[in-house]
Protein backbone atom coordinates (compact mmCIF):
# COMPACT_ATOMS: atom_id res chain seq x y z
CA LEU A 1 -26.79 36.88 -3.13
CA ARG A 2 -29.97 37.80 -0.77
CA GLU A 3 -27.57 40.44 1.03
CA ARG A 4 -26.70 41.87 -2.13
CA LEU A 5 -30.35 41.94 -3.75
CA ASP A 6 -31.18 43.32 -0.58
CA GLU A 7 -29.08 46.25 -1.50
CA THR A 8 -30.14 46.55 -4.73
CA LEU A 9 -34.12 46.73 -3.70
CA SER A 10 -32.95 49.77 -1.67
CA ALA A 11 -31.07 51.41 -4.72
CA SER A 12 -33.47 50.80 -7.28
CA ARG A 13 -36.78 49.77 -5.66
CA ASN A 14 -38.85 51.36 -7.82
CA GLU A 15 -36.95 49.72 -11.58
CA ILE A 16 -37.37 45.75 -9.82
CA LEU A 17 -41.00 46.65 -8.82
CA ALA A 18 -42.06 47.63 -12.97
CA LEU A 19 -39.97 44.61 -14.10
CA LEU A 20 -41.81 42.45 -11.38
CA SER A 21 -45.41 43.85 -11.81
CA ARG A 22 -45.33 43.07 -15.62
CA ILE A 23 -43.89 39.41 -14.82
CA GLU A 24 -46.63 38.95 -11.79
CA GLY A 25 -49.39 40.70 -14.71
CA LYS A 26 -48.92 37.35 -16.86
CA GLY A 27 -50.52 35.75 -14.35
CA LYS A 28 -50.24 32.00 -12.55
CA GLY A 29 -47.77 30.06 -14.46
CA ILE A 30 -44.31 28.99 -15.33
CA LEU A 31 -41.54 31.47 -17.75
CA GLN A 32 -38.73 30.10 -18.85
CA HIS A 33 -35.47 32.36 -19.15
CA HIS A 34 -36.54 33.68 -22.57
CA GLN A 35 -39.36 35.10 -21.07
CA VAL A 36 -38.07 36.20 -18.37
CA ILE A 37 -35.49 38.46 -20.51
CA ALA A 38 -38.47 39.81 -22.89
CA GLU A 39 -40.21 41.19 -19.92
CA PHE A 40 -36.85 42.68 -18.90
CA GLU A 41 -36.45 43.93 -22.03
CA GLU A 42 -39.78 46.08 -22.30
CA ILE A 43 -38.98 48.04 -19.53
CA PRO A 44 -37.51 51.55 -20.07
CA GLU A 45 -33.99 51.48 -20.94
CA GLU A 46 -32.56 53.87 -18.20
CA SER A 47 -33.96 51.48 -15.79
CA ARG A 48 -32.89 48.19 -17.59
CA GLN A 49 -29.23 49.68 -17.36
CA LYS A 50 -29.37 50.72 -14.05
CA LEU A 51 -30.56 46.99 -12.88
CA THR A 52 -27.94 45.71 -15.14
CA ASP A 53 -25.36 46.90 -13.67
CA GLY A 54 -26.33 45.43 -10.21
CA ALA A 55 -27.06 42.36 -8.41
CA PHE A 56 -30.75 41.85 -9.95
CA GLY A 57 -29.31 42.00 -13.30
CA GLU A 58 -26.52 38.77 -12.27
CA VAL A 59 -29.49 37.22 -10.83
CA LEU A 60 -31.65 37.73 -14.24
CA ARG A 61 -29.19 36.31 -16.67
CA SER A 62 -28.89 33.63 -14.36
CA THR A 63 -32.66 32.98 -13.71
CA GLN A 64 -33.80 29.56 -15.80
CA GLU A 65 -37.15 29.61 -14.69
CA ALA A 66 -39.82 31.88 -12.50
CA ILE A 67 -42.95 30.76 -11.07
CA VAL A 68 -45.65 33.12 -10.64
CA LEU A 69 -48.02 32.84 -7.93
CA PRO A 70 -49.10 36.34 -6.77
CA PRO A 71 -48.02 38.19 -5.02
CA TRP A 72 -45.13 36.04 -5.23
CA VAL A 73 -42.56 35.56 -7.95
CA ALA A 74 -39.64 32.49 -7.47
CA LEU A 75 -37.10 31.95 -9.11
CA ALA A 76 -34.50 29.51 -9.75
CA VAL A 77 -31.09 30.54 -10.22
CA ARG A 78 -28.38 28.54 -11.96
CA PRO A 79 -25.16 30.63 -11.35
CA ARG A 80 -22.55 28.71 -12.43
CA PRO A 81 -22.53 24.65 -14.10
CA GLY A 82 -23.83 22.35 -11.18
CA VAL A 83 -24.86 25.10 -9.01
CA TRP A 84 -28.30 26.35 -8.04
CA GLU A 85 -29.95 28.88 -6.14
CA TYR A 86 -33.70 29.67 -4.96
CA LEU A 87 -35.56 32.81 -4.51
CA ARG A 88 -39.00 34.38 -3.60
CA VAL A 89 -39.80 37.95 -4.13
CA ASN A 90 -42.80 39.38 -2.25
CA VAL A 91 -43.51 41.73 -5.42
CA HIS A 92 -46.06 43.60 -2.95
CA ALA A 93 -43.41 44.20 -0.20
CA LEU A 94 -40.47 43.75 -2.29
CA VAL A 95 -39.39 41.10 0.25
CA VAL A 96 -36.44 38.62 -0.89
CA GLU A 97 -36.74 34.99 0.84
CA VAL A 98 -34.21 32.23 0.41
CA LEU A 99 -35.80 28.86 -0.68
CA GLN A 100 -34.70 25.11 -0.21
CA PRO A 101 -34.61 23.17 -3.38
CA ALA A 102 -37.79 21.29 -1.52
CA GLU A 103 -39.78 24.43 -0.55
CA TYR A 104 -39.25 25.28 -4.10
CA LEU A 105 -40.46 22.26 -5.42
CA HIS A 106 -43.46 22.22 -3.58
CA PHE A 107 -44.16 26.25 -4.32
CA LYS A 108 -43.86 24.91 -8.08
CA GLU A 109 -46.39 21.96 -6.96
CA GLU A 110 -49.09 24.49 -5.92
CA LEU A 111 -50.02 25.53 -9.65
CA VAL A 112 -51.53 22.83 -10.24
CA ASP A 113 -52.63 21.18 -6.73
CA GLY A 114 -52.91 24.73 -4.86
CA SER A 115 -52.15 25.01 -1.00
CA SER A 116 -51.61 21.34 0.48
CA ASN A 117 -52.79 23.09 3.73
CA GLY A 118 -50.31 20.43 5.52
CA ASN A 119 -52.09 17.58 3.78
CA PHE A 120 -50.16 14.66 3.10
CA VAL A 121 -48.13 14.81 -0.36
CA LEU A 122 -46.79 11.73 -1.31
CA GLU A 123 -42.63 11.73 -1.56
CA LEU A 124 -40.33 9.73 -3.30
CA ASP A 125 -36.75 8.83 -2.66
CA PHE A 126 -34.63 7.79 -5.20
CA GLU A 127 -31.33 8.48 -3.90
CA PRO A 128 -30.53 4.98 -2.88
CA PHE A 129 -30.71 3.80 -6.30
CA THR A 130 -28.13 6.41 -7.11
CA ALA A 131 -25.92 6.18 -3.77
CA SER A 132 -23.12 4.51 -5.73
CA PHE A 133 -23.07 6.53 -9.11
CA PRO A 134 -20.12 8.58 -9.44
CA ARG A 135 -21.24 12.22 -9.51
CA PRO A 136 -18.69 14.60 -11.09
CA THR A 137 -17.55 17.53 -8.48
CA LEU A 138 -15.47 19.90 -11.34
CA ASN A 139 -17.28 22.25 -13.41
CA LYS A 140 -15.36 21.19 -16.53
CA SER A 141 -17.17 17.94 -16.12
CA ILE A 142 -20.73 19.60 -16.59
CA GLY A 143 -21.55 18.67 -20.29
CA ASN A 144 -18.93 15.84 -20.63
CA GLY A 145 -20.22 13.26 -19.14
CA VAL A 146 -19.32 10.14 -21.30
CA GLN A 147 -15.26 11.83 -20.80
CA PHE A 148 -16.16 11.77 -17.22
CA LEU A 149 -17.90 7.98 -16.91
CA ASN A 150 -14.83 6.85 -18.86
CA ARG A 151 -12.19 8.29 -16.58
CA HIS A 152 -13.99 7.31 -13.59
CA LEU A 153 -14.22 3.44 -15.17
CA SER A 154 -10.55 3.49 -16.18
CA ALA A 155 -9.54 4.71 -12.65
CA LYS A 156 -11.41 1.68 -10.92
CA LEU A 157 -10.72 -0.58 -13.37
CA PHE A 158 -6.76 -0.39 -12.47
CA HIS A 159 -7.52 -0.23 -8.79
CA ASP A 160 -9.68 -2.97 -8.49
CA LYS A 161 -7.25 -6.04 -9.34
CA GLU A 162 -10.18 -8.20 -9.44
CA SER A 163 -11.57 -6.46 -12.34
CA LEU A 164 -8.47 -6.41 -14.69
CA HIS A 165 -9.01 -10.55 -14.94
CA PRO A 166 -12.22 -10.12 -17.41
CA LEU A 167 -9.98 -7.43 -19.51
CA LEU A 168 -6.69 -9.52 -19.67
CA GLU A 169 -8.64 -12.89 -21.06
CA PHE A 170 -10.51 -10.68 -23.39
CA LEU A 171 -7.15 -9.51 -24.76
CA ARG A 172 -5.90 -13.22 -24.17
CA LEU A 173 -8.63 -14.75 -26.67
CA HIS A 174 -8.93 -12.93 -29.54
CA SER A 175 -6.94 -13.21 -32.33
CA VAL A 176 -7.02 -13.01 -36.61
CA ASN A 177 -5.70 -16.05 -38.65
CA GLY A 178 -5.07 -18.15 -35.54
CA LYS A 179 -2.38 -14.68 -34.49
CA THR A 180 -2.97 -13.73 -31.23
CA LEU A 181 -4.32 -10.04 -31.64
CA MET A 182 -2.69 -8.17 -28.35
CA LEU A 183 -1.00 -10.70 -26.09
CA ASN A 184 0.93 -13.83 -26.15
CA ASP A 185 0.84 -16.47 -23.29
CA ARG A 186 4.03 -14.83 -21.83
CA ILE A 187 1.86 -12.46 -20.05
CA GLN A 188 -0.09 -14.42 -17.46
CA ASN A 189 -1.75 -12.34 -14.65
CA PRO A 190 -2.70 -8.56 -14.54
CA ASP A 191 0.32 -7.57 -12.84
CA ALA A 192 2.86 -8.69 -16.00
CA LEU A 193 0.15 -6.76 -18.03
CA GLN A 194 0.72 -3.32 -16.20
CA HIS A 195 4.35 -4.10 -16.39
CA VAL A 196 4.57 -4.88 -20.15
CA LEU A 197 2.07 -1.67 -20.97
CA ARG A 198 4.38 0.59 -18.99
CA LYS A 199 7.68 -0.79 -20.42
CA ALA A 200 5.40 -0.46 -24.15
CA GLU A 201 4.56 3.26 -23.57
CA GLU A 202 8.21 3.99 -22.77
CA TYR A 203 9.11 2.67 -25.58
CA LEU A 204 6.89 4.30 -27.97
CA GLY A 205 7.88 7.65 -26.47
CA THR A 206 11.40 6.95 -28.33
CA VAL A 207 10.58 6.05 -31.89
CA PRO A 208 9.17 8.86 -34.57
CA ALA A 209 5.51 8.29 -35.28
CA GLU A 210 5.78 7.25 -38.67
CA THR A 211 8.05 4.18 -37.75
CA PRO A 212 5.79 0.76 -39.38
CA TYR A 213 5.25 -1.71 -36.78
CA SER A 214 7.06 -4.53 -38.77
CA ALA A 215 10.31 -2.55 -37.32
CA PHE A 216 9.34 -3.27 -33.84
CA GLU A 217 6.88 -5.88 -34.18
CA HIS A 218 9.33 -8.25 -32.94
CA LYS A 219 10.26 -6.40 -29.74
CA PHE A 220 6.68 -6.08 -29.29
CA GLN A 221 5.89 -10.01 -28.86
């Protein structure tokens, strides 16, 4: 991304300078995505079109916030779900720097605290508390957290035999009017439960959807 931006800076220096100068002119602070786009729409149409077609236009569309600390403007860019990149541009020299997440956060903190000048800054590491927590690795899982967790827990349940025992007892204990709802005494262990579930699923696949339960109740006892 930085290499593409450097190429765009060479080809569209004046247009980018016009936009970044407007953003820098807002003074020290944080600009959200819609505010950055609003500043972009204020530059001449010819300049907007030239930037839209290049790498800088791609960055603008993906920018979630901008941190302004003159002469620097730092951008938090989200090119796709779950992926973040951080850049810092010197408006006067038009030099692009790639920032690590910690560097971006430190730059953001300077809005309030000013430069620490090497002084100690308190940092808290919460990673040990989330080490065993499942993390989505596919883009399609972003925004579908409940579905992702259900799949994770289901997979863990059926790969860990010990975790199936509470489920087995739960299914065996629940009844209505003395009639067991799910399982009878023939199923005594998790292996038997998995076996009959597979058989039941295979059988139901051959039965029309409108078939009443009474038609195969005896088979499912």
